[in-house]
Each structure stands twice: as structure tokens, then as C-alpha cells.
Amino acid sequence: MYAESKQYLINKLREAGLKSKPYTTEKALKKSMESHLGAVLFESETFSRNGSKKHYKDQEGARKKRRKVFDRTTAFTVILGDYNDGAVEIMLENFLASLDTGIYVKGNFVPIEVESADWVDEDDSILKAKVAVQVKINFLGGIYKDTGFARVKELEVESVERKESTDGN
């Protein structure tokens, strides 16, 4: 999910009007001497247990059970910078408008959430850009385990026992 999410954001930056190659490491971004720039930086990844399950049929029609073993949230910071407020604002609006509600990773839908934005000017930033905006974006995926159902035709009944109840009936 990490690689797919990162590549998705890089593609969306290019669609939004970024002319230079997006940075993907903080070290390279700090060394940058560009004023017009974009970056996709990995922020964090969290996991939490989940026991939900869904039943579905695969392409051959066999019934399957999909368990969501973990919720997985992968967060990135997208940075856009330019010479003036207007240029950054236009790129930001284009970028946000181009984001889909989610992406598919290995057949699973991963919702995308835009969390927050932080504007900085040249005095508050290590970047050479006059104005920059940082946007935190979360990908809300999971780790899944698929299992099949036993086919009734394949089961053999060896014996049947009657169990008496303890309540007197």
C-alpha cells in the first residue's frame, strides 16, 4: 500500500501543474535550491487490530470469507511551493480537486482522507520557495486474510449423536 499511495500522490502532483520532479526525501528537499517545488514525504504508518469479516464470491463463483486482520493508516505530507501565494493556491486547489475518494490496492478499496494544511512563508521555512503549503493525507487501508468455505458435497457425516439438555426438556 505504501508504494501505491506514494506513486498516486506523485502522479496527482504532476497533474496539478508541478513542472519539476517531486522530491520524496526530506534530505533532498532541504538541499533543493528551487522555488517552484513539490514533495511527497512519508509521515507515518499505524496499525490496529480489526476482526471484521465479509462474505463474497470470487470470479469462479466460489464463496469466500475476507477477514480484515489489521486497519492500516499510511500518512504522507505533500508539499507545494512557489514564488507567490496565488501560484501555490492554484496548485493546491488543482491537486485537491484531482484526488479521488480512494484507490484500489490489490483489489481492496483504500479511502483517501485529507487531514490538514499548514501554510508557511520563506521566513518560517527551510525551503527556497517564497510560499509553501504542507498537506497531510491519509490512506485508510487494511491487511486482509481470505479463506474459503468447506463445500457441503465434500463433507461426510460419520455419526449423529443426540445430546440431552440439562434443563429437563
N, C-alpha and C. Protein backbone atom coordinates (compact mmCIF):
# COMPACT_ATOMS: atom_id res chain seq x y z
N MET A 1 0.81 -1.19 0.00
CA MET A 1 0.00 0.00 0.00
C MET A 1 0.87 1.26 0.00
N TYR A 2 2.00 1.19 0.66
CA TYR A 2 2.90 2.35 0.74
C TYR A 2 3.32 2.82 -0.66
N ALA A 3 3.82 1.89 -1.46
CA ALA A 3 4.33 2.25 -2.80
C ALA A 3 3.22 2.78 -3.70
N GLU A 4 2.06 2.14 -3.66
CA GLU A 4 0.93 2.57 -4.50
C GLU A 4 0.45 3.96 -4.09
N SER A 5 0.37 4.22 -2.80
CA SER A 5 -0.09 5.52 -2.29
C SER A 5 0.88 6.63 -2.67
N LYS A 6 2.16 6.36 -2.50
CA LYS A 6 3.19 7.35 -2.82
C LYS A 6 3.17 7.69 -4.31
N GLN A 7 3.10 6.67 -5.16
CA GLN A 7 3.08 6.89 -6.60
C GLN A 7 1.81 7.64 -7.02
N TYR A 8 0.71 7.33 -6.39
CA TYR A 8 -0.56 8.01 -6.68
C TYR A 8 -0.41 9.51 -6.41
N LEU A 9 0.16 9.87 -5.26
CA LEU A 9 0.33 11.28 -4.91
C LEU A 9 1.30 11.99 -5.86
N ILE A 10 2.37 11.32 -6.25
CA ILE A 10 3.33 11.90 -7.19
C ILE A 10 2.64 12.20 -8.52
N ASN A 11 1.83 11.26 -9.01
CA ASN A 11 1.10 11.47 -10.26
C ASN A 11 0.12 12.64 -10.15
N LYS A 12 -0.55 12.76 -9.01
CA LYS A 12 -1.51 13.84 -8.82
C LYS A 12 -0.80 15.20 -8.73
N LEU A 13 0.41 15.24 -8.18
CA LEU A 13 1.18 16.49 -8.15
C LEU A 13 1.51 16.95 -9.56
N ARG A 14 1.89 16.01 -10.41
CA ARG A 14 2.21 16.36 -11.80
C ARG A 14 0.97 16.86 -12.53
N GLU A 15 -0.18 16.22 -12.27
CA GLU A 15 -1.44 16.65 -12.88
C GLU A 15 -1.83 18.05 -12.41
N ALA A 16 -1.45 18.41 -11.18
CA ALA A 16 -1.82 19.70 -10.60
C ALA A 16 -0.99 20.85 -11.15
N GLY A 17 0.05 20.55 -11.91
CA GLY A 17 0.84 21.62 -12.53
C GLY A 17 2.28 21.71 -12.06
N LEU A 18 2.75 20.73 -11.32
CA LEU A 18 4.14 20.74 -10.88
C LEU A 18 5.03 20.43 -12.08
N LYS A 19 5.98 21.31 -12.35
CA LYS A 19 6.84 21.15 -13.52
C LYS A 19 8.13 20.39 -13.21
N SER A 20 8.61 20.48 -11.98
CA SER A 20 9.85 19.79 -11.61
C SER A 20 9.54 18.40 -11.06
N LYS A 21 10.59 17.61 -10.88
CA LYS A 21 10.43 16.27 -10.34
C LYS A 21 10.11 16.38 -8.84
N PRO A 22 9.05 15.72 -8.37
CA PRO A 22 8.72 15.79 -6.94
C PRO A 22 9.79 15.12 -6.08
N TYR A 23 10.08 15.73 -4.96
CA TYR A 23 11.03 15.16 -4.00
C TYR A 23 10.32 14.11 -3.16
N THR A 24 11.07 13.08 -2.77
CA THR A 24 10.47 12.03 -1.94
C THR A 24 11.23 11.81 -0.64
N THR A 25 12.31 12.59 -0.43
CA THR A 25 13.03 12.51 0.84
C THR A 25 13.23 13.91 1.40
N GLU A 26 13.23 14.00 2.70
CA GLU A 26 13.42 15.29 3.35
C GLU A 26 14.83 15.83 3.12
N LYS A 27 15.81 14.94 3.07
CA LYS A 27 17.19 15.34 2.84
C LYS A 27 17.35 16.03 1.48
N ALA A 28 16.79 15.45 0.45
CA ALA A 28 16.87 16.04 -0.89
C ALA A 28 16.09 17.35 -0.95
N LEU A 29 14.98 17.42 -0.24
CA LEU A 29 14.17 18.63 -0.23
C LEU A 29 14.92 19.78 0.43
N LYS A 30 15.64 19.51 1.51
CA LYS A 30 16.41 20.54 2.20
C LYS A 30 17.54 21.08 1.33
N LYS A 31 18.13 20.21 0.51
CA LYS A 31 19.23 20.62 -0.37
C LYS A 31 18.74 21.38 -1.60
N SER A 32 17.46 21.30 -1.86
CA SER A 32 16.88 21.89 -3.06
C SER A 32 17.07 23.40 -3.08
N MET A 33 17.38 23.92 -4.24
CA MET A 33 17.53 25.36 -4.43
C MET A 33 16.38 25.92 -5.27
N GLU A 34 15.36 25.10 -5.52
CA GLU A 34 14.24 25.52 -6.36
C GLU A 34 13.21 26.33 -5.57
N SER A 35 12.54 27.23 -6.26
CA SER A 35 11.44 27.95 -5.65
C SER A 35 10.11 27.29 -6.01
N HIS A 36 10.01 26.76 -7.21
CA HIS A 36 8.82 26.02 -7.64
C HIS A 36 9.10 24.55 -7.37
N LEU A 37 8.44 23.98 -6.34
CA LEU A 37 8.75 22.60 -5.99
C LEU A 37 7.54 21.88 -5.45
N GLY A 38 7.68 20.58 -5.40
CA GLY A 38 6.68 19.70 -4.83
C GLY A 38 7.36 18.51 -4.19
N ALA A 39 6.74 17.97 -3.17
CA ALA A 39 7.33 16.82 -2.48
C ALA A 39 6.23 15.93 -1.93
N VAL A 40 6.54 14.65 -1.87
CA VAL A 40 5.68 13.65 -1.22
C VAL A 40 6.58 12.96 -0.20
N LEU A 41 6.34 13.26 1.08
CA LEU A 41 7.17 12.72 2.15
C LEU A 41 6.36 11.77 3.02
N PHE A 42 6.93 10.61 3.29
CA PHE A 42 6.27 9.65 4.18
C PHE A 42 6.24 10.23 5.58
N GLU A 43 5.09 10.16 6.20
CA GLU A 43 4.91 10.71 7.55
C GLU A 43 4.90 9.61 8.60
N SER A 44 3.94 8.68 8.50
CA SER A 44 3.83 7.61 9.50
C SER A 44 2.91 6.50 8.99
N GLU A 45 2.96 5.40 9.70
CA GLU A 45 2.06 4.29 9.41
C GLU A 45 1.65 3.67 10.73
N THR A 46 0.34 3.47 10.91
CA THR A 46 -0.16 2.89 12.16
C THR A 46 -1.01 1.67 11.84
N PHE A 47 -1.03 0.74 12.78
CA PHE A 47 -1.79 -0.49 12.66
C PHE A 47 -2.64 -0.67 13.91
N SER A 48 -3.85 -1.19 13.74
CA SER A 48 -4.67 -1.57 14.89
C SER A 48 -5.46 -2.82 14.50
N ARG A 49 -5.65 -3.69 15.46
CA ARG A 49 -6.36 -4.95 15.21
C ARG A 49 -7.80 -4.70 14.80
N ASN A 50 -8.28 -5.56 13.93
CA ASN A 50 -9.66 -5.48 13.47
C ASN A 50 -10.11 -6.90 13.19
N GLY A 51 -11.31 -7.24 13.57
CA GLY A 51 -11.79 -8.61 13.37
C GLY A 51 -12.96 -8.70 12.42
N SER A 52 -13.23 -7.64 11.67
CA SER A 52 -14.40 -7.67 10.80
C SER A 52 -14.22 -8.67 9.67
N LYS A 53 -15.35 -9.14 9.16
CA LYS A 53 -15.28 -10.09 8.04
C LYS A 53 -16.44 -9.85 7.10
N LYS A 54 -16.20 -10.18 5.83
CA LYS A 54 -17.21 -10.05 4.79
C LYS A 54 -17.22 -11.32 3.96
N HIS A 55 -18.39 -11.66 3.48
CA HIS A 55 -18.53 -12.82 2.59
C HIS A 55 -18.68 -12.30 1.17
N TYR A 56 -18.06 -12.98 0.22
CA TYR A 56 -18.15 -12.58 -1.18
C TYR A 56 -17.94 -13.80 -2.05
N LYS A 57 -18.19 -13.62 -3.34
CA LYS A 57 -17.93 -14.68 -4.32
C LYS A 57 -16.80 -14.23 -5.22
N ASP A 58 -15.86 -15.13 -5.48
CA ASP A 58 -14.75 -14.78 -6.37
C ASP A 58 -15.18 -14.91 -7.83
N GLN A 59 -14.25 -14.75 -8.75
CA GLN A 59 -14.56 -14.75 -10.17
C GLN A 59 -15.10 -16.10 -10.66
N GLU A 60 -14.71 -17.18 -9.99
CA GLU A 60 -15.21 -18.51 -10.38
C GLU A 60 -16.54 -18.83 -9.71
N GLY A 61 -17.01 -17.96 -8.83
CA GLY A 61 -18.28 -18.18 -8.14
C GLY A 61 -18.16 -18.88 -6.80
N ALA A 62 -16.93 -19.17 -6.37
CA ALA A 62 -16.73 -19.83 -5.09
C ALA A 62 -16.92 -18.81 -3.95
N ARG A 63 -17.60 -19.24 -2.91
CA ARG A 63 -17.82 -18.35 -1.76
C ARG A 63 -16.53 -18.23 -0.95
N LYS A 64 -16.25 -17.02 -0.53
CA LYS A 64 -15.03 -16.75 0.24
C LYS A 64 -15.38 -15.88 1.43
N LYS A 65 -14.50 -15.92 2.42
CA LYS A 65 -14.64 -15.07 3.59
C LYS A 65 -13.37 -14.22 3.69
N ARG A 66 -13.52 -12.91 3.77
CA ARG A 66 -12.37 -12.00 3.88
C ARG A 66 -12.38 -11.38 5.27
N ARG A 67 -11.31 -11.63 6.00
CA ARG A 67 -11.16 -11.04 7.34
C ARG A 67 -10.19 -9.88 7.26
N LYS A 68 -10.56 -8.79 7.88
CA LYS A 68 -9.66 -7.65 7.98
C LYS A 68 -8.89 -7.84 9.28
N VAL A 69 -7.64 -8.24 9.16
CA VAL A 69 -6.83 -8.56 10.32
C VAL A 69 -6.37 -7.27 11.02
N PHE A 70 -5.94 -6.28 10.22
CA PHE A 70 -5.47 -5.01 10.76
C PHE A 70 -6.05 -3.85 9.95
N ASP A 71 -6.36 -2.75 10.64
CA ASP A 71 -6.57 -1.47 9.99
C ASP A 71 -5.18 -0.90 9.78
N ARG A 72 -4.95 -0.29 8.64
CA ARG A 72 -3.63 0.26 8.33
C ARG A 72 -3.80 1.67 7.79
N THR A 73 -3.24 2.63 8.50
CA THR A 73 -3.30 4.03 8.07
C THR A 73 -1.90 4.49 7.71
N THR A 74 -1.74 4.88 6.45
CA THR A 74 -0.46 5.37 5.96
C THR A 74 -0.62 6.86 5.67
N ALA A 75 0.24 7.68 6.30
CA ALA A 75 0.13 9.14 6.18
C ALA A 75 1.33 9.70 5.42
N PHE A 76 1.04 10.65 4.53
CA PHE A 76 2.06 11.36 3.76
C PHE A 76 1.85 12.85 3.93
N THR A 77 2.92 13.60 3.82
CA THR A 77 2.85 15.05 3.75
C THR A 77 3.20 15.45 2.33
N VAL A 78 2.31 16.20 1.71
CA VAL A 78 2.54 16.71 0.36
C VAL A 78 2.89 18.19 0.51
N ILE A 79 3.99 18.60 -0.09
CA ILE A 79 4.44 19.99 -0.01
C ILE A 79 4.42 20.61 -1.39
N LEU A 80 3.84 21.79 -1.48
CA LEU A 80 3.82 22.58 -2.71
C LEU A 80 4.42 23.94 -2.40
N GLY A 81 5.35 24.38 -3.23
CA GLY A 81 5.97 25.69 -3.03
C GLY A 81 6.15 26.42 -4.33
N ASP A 82 6.10 27.78 -4.25
CA ASP A 82 6.28 28.60 -5.44
C ASP A 82 6.66 30.01 -5.03
N TYR A 83 6.74 30.89 -6.05
CA TYR A 83 7.16 32.27 -5.84
C TYR A 83 6.13 33.13 -5.11
N ASN A 84 4.84 32.85 -5.32
CA ASN A 84 3.82 33.70 -4.70
C ASN A 84 2.62 32.90 -4.21
N ASP A 85 1.81 33.54 -3.38
CA ASP A 85 0.64 32.88 -2.78
C ASP A 85 -0.32 32.34 -3.82
N GLY A 86 -0.58 33.15 -4.85
CA GLY A 86 -1.54 32.78 -5.88
C GLY A 86 -1.16 31.51 -6.61
N ALA A 87 0.10 31.38 -6.97
CA ALA A 87 0.56 30.19 -7.69
C ALA A 87 0.42 28.94 -6.83
N VAL A 88 0.76 29.05 -5.55
CA VAL A 88 0.64 27.91 -4.64
C VAL A 88 -0.84 27.55 -4.44
N GLU A 89 -1.66 28.58 -4.29
CA GLU A 89 -3.10 28.36 -4.10
C GLU A 89 -3.71 27.62 -5.30
N ILE A 90 -3.35 28.02 -6.49
CA ILE A 90 -3.87 27.37 -7.70
C ILE A 90 -3.41 25.92 -7.76
N MET A 91 -2.12 25.67 -7.49
CA MET A 91 -1.62 24.29 -7.50
C MET A 91 -2.32 23.45 -6.43
N LEU A 92 -2.51 24.03 -5.24
CA LEU A 92 -3.16 23.30 -4.15
C LEU A 92 -4.60 22.93 -4.54
N GLU A 93 -5.34 23.90 -5.07
CA GLU A 93 -6.72 23.63 -5.46
C GLU A 93 -6.79 22.58 -6.57
N ASN A 94 -5.90 22.67 -7.54
CA ASN A 94 -5.85 21.66 -8.61
C ASN A 94 -5.52 20.28 -8.04
N PHE A 95 -4.57 20.24 -7.13
CA PHE A 95 -4.17 18.98 -6.51
C PHE A 95 -5.33 18.36 -5.73
N LEU A 96 -5.96 19.14 -4.86
CA LEU A 96 -7.05 18.61 -4.05
C LEU A 96 -8.25 18.19 -4.91
N ALA A 97 -8.54 18.97 -5.95
CA ALA A 97 -9.65 18.63 -6.84
C ALA A 97 -9.40 17.34 -7.62
N SER A 98 -8.13 17.02 -7.85
CA SER A 98 -7.81 15.82 -8.62
C SER A 98 -7.82 14.54 -7.78
N LEU A 99 -7.82 14.68 -6.45
CA LEU A 99 -7.80 13.49 -5.59
C LEU A 99 -9.11 12.72 -5.69
N ASP A 100 -9.00 11.43 -5.81
CA ASP A 100 -10.17 10.56 -5.83
C ASP A 100 -10.59 10.26 -4.39
N THR A 101 -11.76 9.65 -4.22
CA THR A 101 -12.20 9.29 -2.87
C THR A 101 -11.36 8.15 -2.31
N GLY A 102 -10.70 7.42 -3.20
CA GLY A 102 -9.84 6.33 -2.77
C GLY A 102 -9.17 5.67 -3.97
N ILE A 103 -8.31 4.70 -3.68
CA ILE A 103 -7.63 3.94 -4.72
C ILE A 103 -7.80 2.45 -4.43
N TYR A 104 -7.56 1.64 -5.43
CA TYR A 104 -7.61 0.19 -5.24
C TYR A 104 -6.19 -0.35 -5.13
N VAL A 105 -5.94 -1.09 -4.07
CA VAL A 105 -4.65 -1.73 -3.84
C VAL A 105 -4.90 -3.22 -3.66
N LYS A 106 -4.40 -4.02 -4.57
CA LYS A 106 -4.59 -5.48 -4.55
C LYS A 106 -6.06 -5.86 -4.44
N GLY A 107 -6.90 -5.13 -5.16
CA GLY A 107 -8.33 -5.43 -5.18
C GLY A 107 -9.12 -4.85 -4.02
N ASN A 108 -8.46 -4.20 -3.09
CA ASN A 108 -9.14 -3.62 -1.93
C ASN A 108 -9.22 -2.11 -2.08
N PHE A 109 -10.38 -1.54 -1.75
CA PHE A 109 -10.56 -0.10 -1.83
C PHE A 109 -9.92 0.55 -0.61
N VAL A 110 -9.07 1.56 -0.85
CA VAL A 110 -8.38 2.29 0.22
C VAL A 110 -8.84 3.74 0.17
N PRO A 111 -9.69 4.17 1.12
CA PRO A 111 -10.15 5.57 1.13
C PRO A 111 -9.00 6.54 1.38
N ILE A 112 -9.15 7.75 0.81
CA ILE A 112 -8.16 8.81 0.98
C ILE A 112 -8.81 9.93 1.78
N GLU A 113 -8.12 10.40 2.82
CA GLU A 113 -8.59 11.50 3.65
C GLU A 113 -7.56 12.61 3.65
N VAL A 114 -8.01 13.83 3.39
CA VAL A 114 -7.13 14.98 3.52
C VAL A 114 -7.34 15.50 4.93
N GLU A 115 -6.26 15.54 5.71
CA GLU A 115 -6.41 15.88 7.13
C GLU A 115 -6.28 17.37 7.41
N SER A 116 -5.16 17.96 7.03
CA SER A 116 -4.96 19.37 7.37
C SER A 116 -3.93 19.99 6.44
N ALA A 117 -3.90 21.32 6.44
CA ALA A 117 -2.92 22.06 5.64
C ALA A 117 -2.26 23.09 6.53
N ASP A 118 -0.98 23.36 6.26
CA ASP A 118 -0.22 24.33 7.03
C ASP A 118 0.55 25.21 6.05
N TRP A 119 0.26 26.51 6.07
CA TRP A 119 0.92 27.46 5.17
C TRP A 119 2.12 28.06 5.87
N VAL A 120 3.23 28.19 5.13
CA VAL A 120 4.43 28.83 5.66
C VAL A 120 5.01 29.78 4.62
N ASP A 121 5.63 30.86 5.08
CA ASP A 121 6.31 31.74 4.13
C ASP A 121 7.81 31.55 4.28
N GLU A 122 8.58 32.25 3.50
CA GLU A 122 10.02 32.00 3.42
C GLU A 122 10.74 32.16 4.76
N ASP A 123 10.23 33.00 5.65
CA ASP A 123 10.88 33.19 6.94
C ASP A 123 10.70 31.99 7.88
N ASP A 124 9.62 31.23 7.69
CA ASP A 124 9.31 30.09 8.56
C ASP A 124 9.74 28.75 7.99
N SER A 125 10.38 28.75 6.84
CA SER A 125 10.64 27.50 6.15
C SER A 125 12.12 27.37 5.79
N ILE A 126 12.55 26.12 5.68
CA ILE A 126 13.91 25.83 5.21
C ILE A 126 13.98 25.83 3.70
N LEU A 127 12.82 25.90 3.05
CA LEU A 127 12.76 25.84 1.60
C LEU A 127 13.10 27.20 0.98
N LYS A 128 13.50 27.17 -0.28
CA LYS A 128 13.81 28.40 -1.01
C LYS A 128 12.54 29.05 -1.57
N ALA A 129 11.44 28.32 -1.54
CA ALA A 129 10.17 28.86 -2.04
C ALA A 129 9.74 30.03 -1.16
N LYS A 130 9.13 31.03 -1.78
CA LYS A 130 8.63 32.19 -1.03
C LYS A 130 7.44 31.79 -0.17
N VAL A 131 6.58 30.92 -0.71
CA VAL A 131 5.39 30.44 0.00
C VAL A 131 5.28 28.95 -0.23
N ALA A 132 4.90 28.22 0.82
CA ALA A 132 4.71 26.77 0.69
C ALA A 132 3.51 26.35 1.53
N VAL A 133 2.90 25.27 1.11
CA VAL A 133 1.82 24.67 1.88
C VAL A 133 2.12 23.20 2.05
N GLN A 134 1.86 22.69 3.26
CA GLN A 134 2.04 21.28 3.57
C GLN A 134 0.66 20.70 3.84
N VAL A 135 0.33 19.61 3.17
CA VAL A 135 -0.97 18.98 3.34
C VAL A 135 -0.75 17.55 3.80
N LYS A 136 -1.42 17.18 4.89
CA LYS A 136 -1.31 15.81 5.39
C LYS A 136 -2.44 14.98 4.79
N ILE A 137 -2.07 13.85 4.17
CA ILE A 137 -3.02 12.98 3.50
C ILE A 137 -2.88 11.56 4.06
N ASN A 138 -4.02 10.98 4.42
CA ASN A 138 -4.04 9.63 4.99
C ASN A 138 -4.70 8.65 4.03
N PHE A 139 -4.11 7.47 3.92
CA PHE A 139 -4.68 6.36 3.18
C PHE A 139 -5.13 5.33 4.20
N LEU A 140 -6.43 5.01 4.21
CA LEU A 140 -7.03 4.17 5.25
C LEU A 140 -7.27 2.77 4.72
N GLY A 141 -6.26 1.93 4.76
CA GLY A 141 -6.36 0.58 4.21
C GLY A 141 -6.41 -0.47 5.29
N GLY A 142 -5.99 -1.65 4.92
CA GLY A 142 -6.01 -2.76 5.85
C GLY A 142 -5.15 -3.91 5.36
N ILE A 143 -5.01 -4.88 6.24
CA ILE A 143 -4.34 -6.12 5.90
C ILE A 143 -5.40 -7.21 6.01
N TYR A 144 -5.57 -7.97 4.93
CA TYR A 144 -6.68 -8.92 4.83
C TYR A 144 -6.19 -10.35 4.72
N LYS A 145 -7.06 -11.26 5.16
CA LYS A 145 -6.79 -12.69 5.02
C LYS A 145 -8.05 -13.34 4.46
N ASP A 146 -7.91 -13.98 3.31
CA ASP A 146 -9.05 -14.63 2.66
C ASP A 146 -9.05 -16.12 2.97
N THR A 147 -10.23 -16.66 3.25
CA THR A 147 -10.39 -18.10 3.45
C THR A 147 -11.62 -18.56 2.69
N GLY A 148 -11.63 -19.81 2.33
CA GLY A 148 -12.77 -20.36 1.62
C GLY A 148 -13.74 -21.03 2.59
N PHE A 149 -14.86 -21.45 2.07
CA PHE A 149 -15.83 -22.22 2.85
C PHE A 149 -15.70 -23.67 2.44
N ALA A 150 -15.95 -24.58 3.39
CA ALA A 150 -15.94 -26.00 3.05
C ALA A 150 -17.17 -26.29 2.21
N ARG A 151 -16.99 -27.08 1.17
CA ARG A 151 -18.12 -27.43 0.31
C ARG A 151 -18.90 -28.56 0.98
N VAL A 152 -20.21 -28.43 1.01
CA VAL A 152 -21.05 -29.42 1.66
C VAL A 152 -20.91 -30.78 0.98
N LYS A 153 -20.71 -30.81 -0.31
CA LYS A 153 -20.56 -32.06 -1.05
C LYS A 153 -19.31 -32.82 -0.61
N GLU A 154 -18.33 -32.10 -0.10
CA GLU A 154 -17.07 -32.73 0.28
C GLU A 154 -17.08 -33.25 1.71
N LEU A 155 -18.12 -32.95 2.48
CA LEU A 155 -18.20 -33.39 3.87
C LEU A 155 -18.89 -34.75 3.96
N GLU A 156 -18.41 -35.58 4.89
CA GLU A 156 -19.04 -36.87 5.16
C GLU A 156 -19.50 -36.88 6.60
N VAL A 157 -20.73 -37.31 6.81
CA VAL A 157 -21.26 -37.42 8.15
C VAL A 157 -20.97 -38.84 8.61
N GLU A 158 -20.19 -38.96 9.68
CA GLU A 158 -19.81 -40.28 10.18
C GLU A 158 -20.79 -40.80 11.20
N SER A 159 -21.26 -39.93 12.08
CA SER A 159 -22.24 -40.37 13.07
C SER A 159 -23.01 -39.16 13.58
N VAL A 160 -24.19 -39.45 14.11
CA VAL A 160 -25.03 -38.41 14.68
C VAL A 160 -25.40 -38.85 16.08
N GLU A 161 -25.15 -38.02 17.06
CA GLU A 161 -25.49 -38.34 18.44
C GLU A 161 -26.52 -37.36 18.94
N ARG A 162 -27.40 -37.85 19.75
CA ARG A 162 -28.40 -36.98 20.35
C ARG A 162 -27.88 -36.56 21.71
N LYS A 163 -27.89 -35.30 21.94
CA LYS A 163 -27.37 -34.76 23.19
C LYS A 163 -28.56 -34.33 24.03
N GLU A 164 -28.60 -34.82 25.27
CA GLU A 164 -29.71 -34.44 26.15
C GLU A 164 -29.39 -33.11 26.78
N SER A 165 -30.45 -32.30 26.91
CA SER A 165 -30.24 -31.00 27.54
C SER A 165 -30.27 -31.12 29.04
N THR A 166 -29.68 -30.20 29.74
CA THR A 166 -29.58 -30.24 31.19
C THR A 166 -30.76 -29.55 31.87
N ASP A 167 -31.64 -28.91 31.11
CA ASP A 167 -32.76 -28.19 31.73
C ASP A 167 -34.01 -29.06 31.88
N GLY A 168 -33.93 -30.34 31.59
CA GLY A 168 -35.04 -31.27 31.80
C GLY A 168 -35.93 -31.44 30.59
N ASN A 169 -35.72 -30.85 29.48
CA ASN A 169 -36.56 -31.00 28.28
C ASN A 169 -36.00 -31.99 27.32
